[in-house]
PDB file of N, CA and C in Angstrom:
ATOM      1  N   MET A   1       6.160  -0.501 -25.204  1.00  0.00           N
ATOM      2  CA  MET A   1       5.685   0.476 -24.231  1.00  0.00           C
ATOM      3  C   MET A   1       6.548   0.421 -22.975  1.00  0.00           C
ATOM      4  N   ALA A   2       6.920   1.557 -22.487  1.00  0.00           N
ATOM      5  CA  ALA A   2       7.813   1.646 -21.326  1.00  0.00           C
ATOM      6  C   ALA A   2       7.183   1.059 -20.067  1.00  0.00           C
ATOM      7  N   HIS A   3       5.899   1.215 -19.913  1.00  0.00           N
ATOM      8  CA  HIS A   3       5.264   0.777 -18.670  1.00  0.00           C
ATOM      9  C   HIS A   3       5.120  -0.743 -18.558  1.00  0.00           C
ATOM     10  N   GLN A   4       5.318  -1.487 -19.636  1.00  0.00           N
ATOM     11  CA  GLN A   4       5.130  -2.937 -19.610  1.00  0.00           C
ATOM     12  C   GLN A   4       6.052  -3.628 -18.607  1.00  0.00           C
ATOM     13  N   LYS A   5       7.285  -3.156 -18.475  1.00  0.00           N
ATOM     14  CA  LYS A   5       8.219  -3.791 -17.539  1.00  0.00           C
ATOM     15  C   LYS A   5       7.803  -3.573 -16.088  1.00  0.00           C
ATOM     16  N   PHE A   6       6.918  -2.598 -15.868  1.00  0.00           N
ATOM     17  CA  PHE A   6       6.449  -2.287 -14.529  1.00  0.00           C
ATOM     18  C   PHE A   6       5.089  -2.908 -14.207  1.00  0.00           C
ATOM     19  N   GLN A   7       4.519  -3.655 -15.144  1.00  0.00           N
ATOM     20  CA  GLN A   7       3.114  -4.063 -15.047  1.00  0.00           C
ATOM     21  C   GLN A   7       2.751  -4.768 -13.732  1.00  0.00           C
ATOM     22  N   ASP A   8       3.553  -5.716 -13.281  1.00  0.00           N
ATOM     23  CA  ASP A   8       3.228  -6.420 -12.027  1.00  0.00           C
ATOM     24  C   ASP A   8       3.221  -5.462 -10.839  1.00  0.00           C
ATOM     25  N   CYS A   9       4.169  -4.552 -10.830  1.00  0.00           N
ATOM     26  CA  CYS A   9       4.254  -3.591  -9.725  1.00  0.00           C
ATOM     27  C   CYS A   9       3.099  -2.583  -9.794  1.00  0.00           C
ATOM     28  N   ILE A  10       2.764  -2.141 -10.989  1.00  0.00           N
ATOM     29  CA  ILE A  10       1.624  -1.226 -11.156  1.00  0.00           C
ATOM     30  C   ILE A  10       0.353  -1.885 -10.629  1.00  0.00           C
ATOM     31  N   GLN A  11       0.145  -3.145 -11.005  1.00  0.00           N
ATOM     32  CA  GLN A  11      -1.054  -3.863 -10.550  1.00  0.00           C
ATOM     33  C   GLN A  11      -1.058  -4.028  -9.034  1.00  0.00           C
ATOM     34  N   ALA A  12       0.082  -4.362  -8.457  1.00  0.00           N
ATOM     35  CA  ALA A  12       0.163  -4.531  -6.996  1.00  0.00           C
ATOM     36  C   ALA A  12      -0.107  -3.209  -6.294  1.00  0.00           C
ATOM     37  N   CYS A  13       0.434  -2.125  -6.825  1.00  0.00           N
ATOM     38  CA  CYS A  13       0.212  -0.805  -6.223  1.00  0.00           C
ATOM     39  C   CYS A  13      -1.256  -0.388  -6.318  1.00  0.00           C
ATOM     40  N   ASN A  14      -1.857  -0.607  -7.469  1.00  0.00           N
ATOM     41  CA  ASN A  14      -3.271  -0.247  -7.620  1.00  0.00           C
ATOM     42  C   ASN A  14      -4.162  -1.080  -6.705  1.00  0.00           C
ATOM     43  N   ALA A  15      -3.874  -2.365  -6.603  1.00  0.00           N
ATOM     44  CA  ALA A  15      -4.658  -3.230  -5.715  1.00  0.00           C
ATOM     45  C   ALA A  15      -4.481  -2.807  -4.262  1.00  0.00           C
ATOM     46  N   CYS A  16      -3.255  -2.493  -3.877  1.00  0.00           N
ATOM     47  CA  CYS A  16      -2.978  -2.085  -2.508  1.00  0.00           C
ATOM     48  C   CYS A  16      -3.688  -0.770  -2.184  1.00  0.00           C
ATOM     49  N   ALA A  17      -3.646   0.173  -3.107  1.00  0.00           N
ATOM     50  CA  ALA A  17      -4.313   1.464  -2.893  1.00  0.00           C
ATOM     51  C   ALA A  17      -5.808   1.269  -2.669  1.00  0.00           C
ATOM     52  N   THR A  18      -6.405   0.400  -3.452  1.00  0.00           N
ATOM     53  CA  THR A  18      -7.839   0.146  -3.326  1.00  0.00           C
ATOM     54  C   THR A  18      -8.165  -0.481  -1.974  1.00  0.00           C
ATOM     55  N   ILE A  19      -7.384  -1.461  -1.572  1.00  0.00           N
ATOM     56  CA  ILE A  19      -7.629  -2.142  -0.302  1.00  0.00           C
ATOM     57  C   ILE A  19      -7.361  -1.214   0.880  1.00  0.00           C
ATOM     58  N   CYS A  20      -6.331  -0.383   0.771  1.00  0.00           N
ATOM     59  CA  CYS A  20      -6.050   0.574   1.848  1.00  0.00           C
ATOM     60  C   CYS A  20      -7.193   1.576   2.010  1.00  0.00           C
ATOM     61  N   SER A  21      -7.729   2.052   0.909  1.00  0.00           N
ATOM     62  CA  SER A  21      -8.870   2.976   0.984  1.00  0.00           C
ATOM     63  C   SER A  21     -10.076   2.293   1.622  1.00  0.00           C
ATOM     64  N   HIS A  22     -10.290   1.044   1.248  1.00  0.00           N
ATOM     65  CA  HIS A  22     -11.394   0.273   1.841  1.00  0.00           C
ATOM     66  C   HIS A  22     -11.174   0.092   3.340  1.00  0.00           C
ATOM     67  N   CYS A  23      -9.957  -0.240   3.722  1.00  0.00           N
ATOM     68  CA  CYS A  23      -9.640  -0.449   5.134  1.00  0.00           C
ATOM     69  C   CYS A  23      -9.892   0.826   5.937  1.00  0.00           C
ATOM     70  N   ALA A  24      -9.453   1.959   5.417  1.00  0.00           N
ATOM     71  CA  ALA A  24      -9.670   3.237   6.115  1.00  0.00           C
ATOM     72  C   ALA A  24     -11.160   3.491   6.306  1.00  0.00           C
ATOM     73  N   THR A  25     -11.936   3.242   5.268  1.00  0.00           N
ATOM     74  CA  THR A  25     -13.383   3.451   5.333  1.00  0.00           C
ATOM     75  C   THR A  25     -14.031   2.526   6.356  1.00  0.00           C
ATOM     76  N   GLU A  26     -13.595   1.282   6.372  1.00  0.00           N
ATOM     77  CA  GLU A  26     -14.150   0.326   7.331  1.00  0.00           C
ATOM     78  C   GLU A  26     -13.720   0.658   8.760  1.00  0.00           C
ATOM     79  N   CYS A  27     -12.484   1.111   8.930  1.00  0.00           N
ATOM     80  CA  CYS A  27     -12.022   1.513  10.264  1.00  0.00           C
ATOM     81  C   CYS A  27     -12.878   2.654  10.821  1.00  0.00           C
ATOM     82  N   LEU A  28     -13.280   3.550   9.946  1.00  0.00           N
ATOM     83  CA  LEU A  28     -14.117   4.683  10.374  1.00  0.00           C
ATOM     84  C   LEU A  28     -15.478   4.231  10.907  1.00  0.00           C
ATOM     85  N   LYS A  29     -15.881   3.031  10.555  1.00  0.00           N
ATOM     86  CA  LYS A  29     -17.171   2.492  11.005  1.00  0.00           C
ATOM     87  C   LYS A  29     -17.063   1.725  12.322  1.00  0.00           C
ATOM     88  N   GLU A  30     -15.837   1.499  12.780  1.00  0.00           N
ATOM     89  CA  GLU A  30     -15.621   0.715  13.995  1.00  0.00           C
ATOM     90  C   GLU A  30     -16.031   1.498  15.245  1.00  0.00           C
ATOM     91  N   GLU A  31     -16.402   0.769  16.275  1.00  0.00           N
ATOM     92  CA  GLU A  31     -16.891   1.372  17.518  1.00  0.00           C
ATOM     93  C   GLU A  31     -15.811   2.176  18.245  1.00  0.00           C
ATOM     94  N   HIS A  32     -14.629   1.645  18.355  1.00  0.00           N
ATOM     95  CA  HIS A  32     -13.546   2.299  19.109  1.00  0.00           C
ATOM     96  C   HIS A  32     -12.600   3.012  18.144  1.00  0.00           C
ATOM     97  N   LEU A  33     -13.119   4.011  17.511  1.00  0.00           N
ATOM     98  CA  LEU A  33     -12.409   4.742  16.466  1.00  0.00           C
ATOM     99  C   LEU A  33     -11.085   5.337  16.944  1.00  0.00           C
ATOM    100  N   HIS A  34     -11.044   5.792  18.173  1.00  0.00           N
ATOM    101  CA  HIS A  34      -9.822   6.443  18.677  1.00  0.00           C
ATOM    102  C   HIS A  34      -8.618   5.501  18.711  1.00  0.00           C
ATOM    103  N   HIS A  35      -8.852   4.192  18.719  1.00  0.00           N
ATOM    104  CA  HIS A  35      -7.751   3.220  18.693  1.00  0.00           C
ATOM    105  C   HIS A  35      -7.248   2.974  17.271  1.00  0.00           C
ATOM    106  N   LEU A  36      -7.956   3.523  16.298  1.00  0.00           N
ATOM    107  CA  LEU A  36      -7.647   3.233  14.900  1.00  0.00           C
ATOM    108  C   LEU A  36      -7.091   4.427  14.127  1.00  0.00           C
ATOM    109  N   THR A  37      -6.821   5.525  14.817  1.00  0.00           N
ATOM    110  CA  THR A  37      -6.396   6.726  14.090  1.00  0.00           C
ATOM    111  C   THR A  37      -5.078   6.516  13.336  1.00  0.00           C
ATOM    112  N   LYS A  38      -4.119   5.834  13.948  1.00  0.00           N
ATOM    113  CA  LYS A  38      -2.851   5.581  13.255  1.00  0.00           C
ATOM    114  C   LYS A  38      -3.063   4.671  12.054  1.00  0.00           C
ATOM    115  N   CYS A  39      -3.920   3.682  12.206  1.00  0.00           N
ATOM    116  CA  CYS A  39      -4.230   2.764  11.113  1.00  0.00           C
ATOM    117  C   CYS A  39      -4.862   3.520   9.942  1.00  0.00           C
ATOM    118  N   ILE A  40      -5.821   4.359  10.238  1.00  0.00           N
ATOM    119  CA  ILE A  40      -6.503   5.121   9.194  1.00  0.00           C
ATOM    120  C   ILE A  40      -5.513   6.040   8.485  1.00  0.00           C
ATOM    121  N   GLN A  41      -4.679   6.737   9.253  1.00  0.00           N
ATOM    122  CA  GLN A  41      -3.687   7.638   8.660  1.00  0.00           C
ATOM    123  C   GLN A  41      -2.746   6.874   7.732  1.00  0.00           C
ATOM    124  N   LEU A  42      -2.237   5.739   8.193  1.00  0.00           N
ATOM    125  CA  LEU A  42      -1.334   4.950   7.352  1.00  0.00           C
ATOM    126  C   LEU A  42      -2.047   4.376   6.136  1.00  0.00           C
ATOM    127  N   ASP A  43      -3.300   3.976   6.301  1.00  0.00           N
ATOM    128  CA  ASP A  43      -4.085   3.511   5.140  1.00  0.00           C
ATOM    129  C   ASP A  43      -4.144   4.588   4.069  1.00  0.00           C
ATOM    130  N   LEU A  44      -4.446   5.809   4.483  1.00  0.00           N
ATOM    131  CA  LEU A  44      -4.575   6.914   3.527  1.00  0.00           C
ATOM    132  C   LEU A  44      -3.232   7.263   2.889  1.00  0.00           C
ATOM    133  N   GLU A  45      -2.173   7.263   3.696  1.00  0.00           N
ATOM    134  CA  GLU A  45      -0.841   7.546   3.164  1.00  0.00           C
ATOM    135  C   GLU A  45      -0.402   6.459   2.195  1.00  0.00           C
ATOM    136  N   CYS A  46      -0.661   5.225   2.554  1.00  0.00           N
ATOM    137  CA  CYS A  46      -0.262   4.104   1.707  1.00  0.00           C
ATOM    138  C   CYS A  46      -1.021   4.138   0.379  1.00  0.00           C
ATOM    139  N   ALA A  47      -2.309   4.403   0.433  1.00  0.00           N
ATOM    140  CA  ALA A  47      -3.093   4.493  -0.799  1.00  0.00           C
ATOM    141  C   ALA A  47      -2.553   5.603  -1.700  1.00  0.00           C
ATOM    142  N   ALA A  48      -2.210   6.734  -1.102  1.00  0.00           N
ATOM    143  CA  ALA A  48      -1.701   7.863  -1.890  1.00  0.00           C
ATOM    144  C   ALA A  48      -0.358   7.539  -2.544  1.00  0.00           C
ATOM    145  N   ILE A  49       0.570   6.945  -1.791  1.00  0.00           N
ATOM    146  CA  ILE A  49       1.889   6.654  -2.357  1.00  0.00           C
ATOM    147  C   ILE A  49       1.806   5.535  -3.389  1.00  0.00           C
ATOM    148  N   CYS A  50       0.927   4.574  -3.161  1.00  0.00           N
ATOM    149  CA  CYS A  50       0.758   3.495  -4.149  1.00  0.00           C
ATOM    150  C   CYS A  50       0.207   4.040  -5.463  1.00  0.00           C
ATOM    151  N   ARG A  51      -0.758   4.931  -5.377  1.00  0.00           N
ATOM    152  CA  ARG A  51      -1.306   5.525  -6.603  1.00  0.00           C
ATOM    153  C   ARG A  51      -0.236   6.346  -7.329  1.00  0.00           C
ATOM    154  N   SER A  52       0.552   7.081  -6.566  1.00  0.00           N
ATOM    155  CA  SER A  52       1.619   7.894  -7.174  1.00  0.00           C
ATOM    156  C   SER A  52       2.674   7.014  -7.837  1.00  0.00           C
ATOM    157  N   ALA A  53       3.067   5.946  -7.155  1.00  0.00           N
ATOM    158  CA  ALA A  53       4.061   5.036  -7.720  1.00  0.00           C
ATOM    159  C   ALA A  53       3.541   4.399  -9.007  1.00  0.00           C
ATOM    160  N   ALA A  54       2.293   3.966  -8.982  1.00  0.00           N
ATOM    161  CA  ALA A  54       1.702   3.355 -10.184  1.00  0.00           C
ATOM    162  C   ALA A  54       1.677   4.355 -11.341  1.00  0.00           C
ATOM    163  N   GLU A  55       1.347   5.586 -11.042  1.00  0.00           N
ATOM    164  CA  GLU A  55       1.289   6.611 -12.083  1.00  0.00           C
ATOM    165  C   GLU A  55       2.670   6.874 -12.682  1.00  0.00           C
ATOM    166  N   LEU A  56       3.699   7.018 -11.837  1.00  0.00           N
ATOM    167  CA  LEU A  56       5.045   7.249 -12.369  1.00  0.00           C
ATOM    168  C   LEU A  56       5.534   6.056 -13.187  1.00  0.00           C
ATOM    169  N   MET A  57       5.243   4.856 -12.722  1.00  0.00           N
ATOM    170  CA  MET A  57       5.652   3.677 -13.496  1.00  0.00           C
ATOM    171  C   MET A  57       4.936   3.633 -14.834  1.00  0.00           C
ATOM    172  N   SER A  58       3.658   4.011 -14.865  1.00  0.00           N
ATOM    173  CA  SER A  58       2.914   3.992 -16.131  1.00  0.00           C
ATOM    174  C   SER A  58       3.476   5.004 -17.117  1.00  0.00           C
ATOM    175  N   LEU A  59       4.141   6.036 -16.591  1.00  0.00           N
ATOM    176  CA  LEU A  59       4.782   7.041 -17.442  1.00  0.00           C
ATOM    177  C   LEU A  59       6.198   6.635 -17.847  1.00  0.00           C
ATOM    178  N   GLY A  60       6.699   5.549 -17.273  1.00  0.00           N
ATOM    179  CA  GLY A  60       8.067   5.115 -17.547  1.00  0.00           C
ATOM    180  C   GLY A  60       9.089   6.071 -16.945  1.00  0.00           C
ATOM    181  N   SER A  61       8.730   6.692 -15.835  1.00  0.00           N
ATOM    182  CA  SER A  61       9.564   7.714 -15.213  1.00  0.00           C
ATOM    183  C   SER A  61      10.889   7.168 -14.687  1.00  0.00           C
ATOM    184  N   GLU A  62      11.933   7.972 -14.829  1.00  0.00           N
ATOM    185  CA  GLU A  62      13.236   7.612 -14.273  1.00  0.00           C
ATOM    186  C   GLU A  62      13.219   7.651 -12.746  1.00  0.00           C
ATOM    187  N   PHE A  63      12.188   8.234 -12.156  1.00  0.00           N
ATOM    188  CA  PHE A  63      12.069   8.329 -10.703  1.00  0.00           C
ATOM    189  C   PHE A  63      11.269   7.179 -10.099  1.00  0.00           C
ATOM    190  N   SER A  64      10.844   6.259 -10.929  1.00  0.00           N
ATOM    191  CA  SER A  64      10.030   5.129 -10.461  1.00  0.00           C
ATOM    192  C   SER A  64      10.725   4.316  -9.383  1.00  0.00           C
ATOM    193  N   GLY A  65      11.987   4.034  -9.559  1.00  0.00           N
ATOM    194  CA  GLY A  65      12.718   3.211  -8.594  1.00  0.00           C
ATOM    195  C   GLY A  65      12.763   3.840  -7.217  1.00  0.00           C
ATOM    196  N   GLY A  66      13.065   5.122  -7.163  1.00  0.00           N
ATOM    197  CA  GLY A  66      13.120   5.830  -5.880  1.00  0.00           C
ATOM    198  C   GLY A  66      11.770   5.874  -5.202  1.00  0.00           C
ATOM    199  N   LEU A  67      10.737   6.118  -5.976  1.00  0.00           N
ATOM    200  CA  LEU A  67       9.404   6.167  -5.381  1.00  0.00           C
ATOM    201  C   LEU A  67       8.942   4.775  -4.962  1.00  0.00           C
ATOM    202  N   CYS A  68       9.347   3.750  -5.707  1.00  0.00           N
ATOM    203  CA  CYS A  68       8.997   2.377  -5.310  1.00  0.00           C
ATOM    204  C   CYS A  68       9.630   2.018  -3.968  1.00  0.00           C
ATOM    205  N   LYS A  69      10.829   2.501  -3.709  1.00  0.00           N
ATOM    206  CA  LYS A  69      11.475   2.243  -2.416  1.00  0.00           C
ATOM    207  C   LYS A  69      10.680   2.896  -1.293  1.00  0.00           C
ATOM    208  N   VAL A  70      10.285   4.144  -1.471  1.00  0.00           N
ATOM    209  CA  VAL A  70       9.469   4.839  -0.475  1.00  0.00           C
ATOM    210  C   VAL A  70       8.128   4.130  -0.317  1.00  0.00           C
ATOM    211  N   CYS A  71       7.545   3.721  -1.420  1.00  0.00           N
ATOM    212  CA  CYS A  71       6.266   3.013  -1.394  1.00  0.00           C
ATOM    213  C   CYS A  71       6.387   1.732  -0.571  1.00  0.00           C
ATOM    214  N   ALA A  72       7.469   1.002  -0.761  1.00  0.00           N
ATOM    215  CA  ALA A  72       7.680  -0.232   0.006  1.00  0.00           C
ATOM    216  C   ALA A  72       7.753   0.057   1.496  1.00  0.00           C
ATOM    217  N   ASP A  73       8.427   1.134   1.866  1.00  0.00           N
ATOM    218  CA  ASP A  73       8.551   1.497   3.286  1.00  0.00           C
ATOM    219  C   ASP A  73       7.187   1.845   3.895  1.00  0.00           C
ATOM    220  N   VAL A  74       6.395   2.605   3.164  1.00  0.00           N
ATOM    221  CA  VAL A  74       5.070   2.985   3.664  1.00  0.00           C
ATOM    222  C   VAL A  74       4.164   1.761   3.733  1.00  0.00           C
ATOM    223  N   CYS A  75       4.244   0.904   2.726  1.00  0.00           N
ATOM    224  CA  CYS A  75       3.434  -0.321   2.721  1.00  0.00           C
ATOM    225  C   CYS A  75       3.756  -1.201   3.929  1.00  0.00           C
ATOM    226  N   LYS A  76       5.031  -1.325   4.254  1.00  0.00           N
ATOM    227  CA  LYS A  76       5.425  -2.139   5.416  1.00  0.00           C
ATOM    228  C   LYS A  76       4.874  -1.548   6.710  1.00  0.00           C
ATOM    229  N   ALA A  77       4.968  -0.231   6.850  1.00  0.00           N
ATOM    230  CA  ALA A  77       4.463   0.427   8.062  1.00  0.00           C
ATOM    231  C   ALA A  77       2.955   0.228   8.184  1.00  0.00           C
ATOM    232  N   CYS A  78       2.258   0.347   7.079  1.00  0.00           N
ATOM    233  CA  CYS A  78       0.811   0.159   7.085  1.00  0.00           C
ATOM    234  C   CYS A  78       0.464  -1.292   7.427  1.00  0.00           C
ATOM    235  N   ALA A  79       1.185  -2.218   6.827  1.00  0.00           N
ATOM    236  CA  ALA A  79       0.936  -3.637   7.087  1.00  0.00           C
ATOM    237  C   ALA A  79       1.145  -3.975   8.562  1.00  0.00           C
ATOM    238  N   GLU A  80       2.217  -3.451   9.137  1.00  0.00           N
ATOM    239  CA  GLU A  80       2.496  -3.734  10.548  1.00  0.00           C
ATOM    240  C   GLU A  80       1.401  -3.189  11.459  1.00  0.00           C
ATOM    241  N   GLU A  81       0.911  -2.006  11.156  1.00  0.00           N
ATOM    242  CA  GLU A  81      -0.175  -1.430  11.963  1.00  0.00           C
ATOM    243  C   GLU A  81      -1.471  -2.220  11.770  1.00  0.00           C
ATOM    244  N   CYS A  82      -1.781  -2.563  10.536  1.00  0.00           N
ATOM    245  CA  CYS A  82      -3.010  -3.320  10.269  1.00  0.00           C
ATOM    246  C   CYS A  82      -2.980  -4.701  10.917  1.00  0.00           C
ATOM    247  N   GLU A  83      -1.809  -5.309  10.962  1.00  0.00           N
ATOM    248  CA  GLU A  83      -1.689  -6.624  11.601  1.00  0.00           C
ATOM    249  C   GLU A  83      -2.137  -6.596  13.060  1.00  0.00           C
ATOM    250  N   LYS A  84      -1.838  -5.507  13.745  1.00  0.00           N
ATOM    251  CA  LYS A  84      -2.246  -5.374  15.147  1.00  0.00           C
ATOM    252  C   LYS A  84      -3.755  -5.492  15.283  1.00  0.00           C
ATOM    253  N   HIS A  85      -4.472  -4.860  14.374  1.00  0.00           N
ATOM    254  CA  HIS A  85      -5.932  -4.857  14.438  1.00  0.00           C
ATOM    255  C   HIS A  85      -6.522  -6.146  13.866  1.00  0.00           C
ATOM    256  N   ALA A  86      -5.799  -6.730  12.937  1.00  0.00           N
ATOM    257  CA  ALA A  86      -6.245  -8.010  12.373  1.00  0.00           C
ATOM    258  C   ALA A  86      -6.264  -9.086  13.448  1.00  0.00           C
ATOM    259  N   LYS A  87      -5.312  -9.018  14.381  1.00  0.00           N
ATOM    260  CA  LYS A  87      -5.254  -9.993  15.470  1.00  0.00           C
ATOM    261  C   LYS A  87      -6.464  -9.874  16.399  1.00  0.00           C
ATOM    262  N   MET A  88      -7.143  -8.735  16.323  1.00  0.00           N
ATOM    263  CA  MET A  88      -8.345  -8.529  17.135  1.00  0.00           C
ATOM    264  C   MET A  88      -9.614  -8.813  16.329  1.00  0.00           C
ATOM    265  N   GLY A  89      -9.439  -9.439  15.165  1.00  0.00           N
ATOM    266  CA  GLY A  89     -10.579  -9.889  14.384  1.00  0.00           C
ATOM    267  C   GLY A  89     -11.062  -8.960  13.290  1.00  0.00           C
ATOM    268  N   MET A  90     -10.331  -7.907  13.023  1.00  0.00           N
ATOM    269  CA  MET A  90     -10.753  -6.990  11.959  1.00  0.00           C
ATOM    270  C   MET A  90     -10.290  -7.530  10.610  1.00  0.00           C
ATOM    271  N   GLU A  91     -11.221  -8.111   9.885  1.00  0.00           N
ATOM    272  CA  GLU A  91     -10.925  -8.764   8.615  1.00  0.00           C
ATOM    273  C   GLU A  91     -10.383  -7.767   7.588  1.00  0.00           C
ATOM    274  N   HIS A  92     -10.933  -6.568   7.555  1.00  0.00           N
ATOM    275  CA  HIS A  92     -10.457  -5.579   6.575  1.00  0.00           C
ATOM    276  C   HIS A  92      -8.997  -5.220   6.827  1.00  0.00           C
ATOM    277  N   CYS A  93      -8.566  -5.236   8.079  1.00  0.00           N
ATOM    278  CA  CYS A  93      -7.160  -4.973   8.395  1.00  0.00           C
ATOM    279  C   CYS A  93      -6.279  -6.160   7.996  1.00  0.00           C
ATOM    280  N   ARG A  94      -6.787  -7.364   8.125  1.00  0.00           N
ATOM    281  CA  ARG A  94      -6.026  -8.535   7.699  1.00  0.00           C
ATOM    282  C   ARG A  94      -5.795  -8.496   6.188  1.00  0.00           C
ATOM    283  N   GLU A  95      -6.855  -8.197   5.442  1.00  0.00           N
ATOM    284  CA  GLU A  95      -6.744  -8.111   3.987  1.00  0.00           C
ATOM    285  C   GLU A  95      -5.785  -6.995   3.577  1.00  0.00           C
ATOM    286  N   CYS A  96      -5.849  -5.894   4.291  1.00  0.00           N
ATOM    287  CA  CYS A  96      -4.983  -4.756   3.990  1.00  0.00           C
ATOM    288  C   CYS A  96      -3.521  -5.107   4.262  1.00  0.00           C
ATOM    289  N   ALA A  97      -3.252  -5.712   5.390  1.00  0.00           N
ATOM    290  CA  ALA A  97      -1.877  -6.097   5.723  1.00  0.00           C
ATOM    291  C   ALA A  97      -1.309  -7.031   4.657  1.00  0.00           C
ATOM    292  N   GLU A  98      -2.110  -7.978   4.230  1.00  0.00           N
ATOM    293  CA  GLU A  98      -1.674  -8.926   3.210  1.00  0.00           C
ATOM    294  C   GLU A  98      -1.322  -8.207   1.903  1.00  0.00           C
ATOM    295  N   ALA A  99      -2.191  -7.307   1.465  1.00  0.00           N
ATOM    296  CA  ALA A  99      -1.946  -6.563   0.221  1.00  0.00           C
ATOM    297  C   ALA A  99      -0.721  -5.658   0.353  1.00  0.00           C
ATOM    298  N   CYS A 100      -0.568  -5.054   1.523  1.00  0.00           N
ATOM    299  CA  CYS A 100       0.570  -4.154   1.749  1.00  0.00           C
ATOM    300  C   CYS A 100       1.894  -4.913   1.727  1.00  0.00           C
ATOM    301  N   TYR A 101       1.941  -6.076   2.359  1.00  0.00           N
ATOM    302  CA  TYR A 101       3.172  -6.865   2.341  1.00  0.00           C
ATOM    303  C   TYR A 101       3.519  -7.306   0.919  1.00  0.00           C
ATOM    304  N   LYS A 102       2.502  -7.712   0.167  1.00  0.00           N
ATOM    305  CA  LYS A 102       2.731  -8.133  -1.217  1.00  0.00           C
ATOM    306  C   LYS A 102       3.265  -6.963  -2.040  1.00  0.00           C
ATOM    307  N   CYS A 103       2.640  -5.813  -1.899  1.00  0.00           N
ATOM    308  CA  CYS A 103       3.062  -4.630  -2.636  1.00  0.00           C
ATOM    309  C   CYS A 103       4.481  -4.214  -2.237  1.00  0.00           C
ATOM    310  N   ALA A 104       4.774  -4.261  -0.943  1.00  0.00           N
ATOM    311  CA  ALA A 104       6.116  -3.892  -0.467  1.00  0.00           C
ATOM    312  C   ALA A 104       7.176  -4.772  -1.095  1.00  0.00           C
ATOM    313  N   THR A 105       6.918  -6.055  -1.160  1.00  0.00           N
ATOM    314  CA  THR A 105       7.887  -6.997  -1.746  1.00  0.00           C
ATOM    315  C   THR A 105       8.131  -6.694  -3.221  1.00  0.00           C
ATOM    316  N   ILE A 106       7.056  -6.492  -3.958  1.00  0.00           N
ATOM    317  CA  ILE A 106       7.176  -6.210  -5.385  1.00  0.00           C
ATOM    318  C   ILE A 106       7.853  -4.862  -5.621  1.00  0.00           C
ATOM    319  N   CYS A 107       7.506  -3.864  -4.805  1.00  0.00           N
ATOM    320  CA  CYS A 107       8.118  -2.543  -4.954  1.00  0.00           C
ATOM    321  C   CYS A 107       9.608  -2.564  -4.611  1.00  0.00           C
ATOM    322  N   GLU A 108       9.981  -3.339  -3.613  1.00  0.00           N
ATOM    323  CA  GLU A 108      11.413  -3.457  -3.280  1.00  0.00           C
ATOM    324  C   GLU A 108      12.181  -4.071  -4.449  1.00  0.00           C
ATOM    325  N   GLU A 109      11.602  -5.099  -5.056  1.00  0.00           N
ATOM    326  CA  GLU A 109      12.245  -5.738  -6.204  1.00  0.00           C
ATOM    327  C   GLU A 109      12.370  -4.740  -7.367  1.00  0.00           C
ATOM    328  N   MET A 110      11.294  -3.970  -7.588  1.00  0.00           N
ATOM    329  CA  MET A 110      11.297  -3.005  -8.678  1.00  0.00           C
ATOM    330  C   MET A 110      12.339  -1.912  -8.435  1.00  0.00           C
ATOM    331  N   ALA A 111      12.459  -1.472  -7.202  1.00  0.00           N
ATOM    332  CA  ALA A 111      13.419  -0.410  -6.853  1.00  0.00           C
ATOM    333  C   ALA A 111      14.851  -0.835  -7.171  1.00  0.00           C
ATOM    334  N   LEU A 112      15.132  -2.122  -7.051  1.00  0.00           N
ATOM    335  CA  LEU A 112      16.477  -2.637  -7.332  1.00  0.00           C
ATOM    336  C   LEU A 112      16.752  -2.744  -8.831  1.00  0.00           C
ATOM    337  N   VAL A 113      15.696  -2.945  -9.598  1.00  0.00           N
ATOM    338  CA  VAL A 113      15.827  -3.155 -11.043  1.00  0.00           C
ATOM    339  C   VAL A 113      15.935  -1.827 -11.790  1.00  0.00           C
ATOM    340  N   VAL A 114      15.204  -0.844 -11.345  1.00  0.00           N
ATOM    341  CA  VAL A 114      15.120   0.430 -12.078  1.00  0.00           C
ATOM    342  C   VAL A 114      16.350   1.254 -11.839  1.00  0.00           C
TER     343      VAL A 114
END
C-alpha cells in the first residue's frame, strides 16, 4: 500500500489536527477572548492543513511532499503562538504547541523524502 511509507506522518497530522481543534474550542471559552483571536485562527488553519496533508498522504499523492512542507510551516506558526499562551497557564495551548512541533518535525522529514 502506498500510504504505508507515510504512516507516522499521517498519524502525527491527524493527532495535531485533533489537538488544534480542541485548542481552538477551549480558547473560545477563555475570559479574554480578544487576546486569543490569532491563536484560534492558527489552530483552525493548522487543523485544516494537517487533515489535508494526511488525506493526500493516504492517497499516495505525488503532491504529499509539497503539502507536508506547507503543513510544517503552519504547524510551527501555530506552535509559536500557542507557546505564548501556554506560558500564561493555558494547558490546552501547551498541549497544542507540543503536538504542532512534533508534527512540524515529522512533516519536514517527510517533505525531504518524497
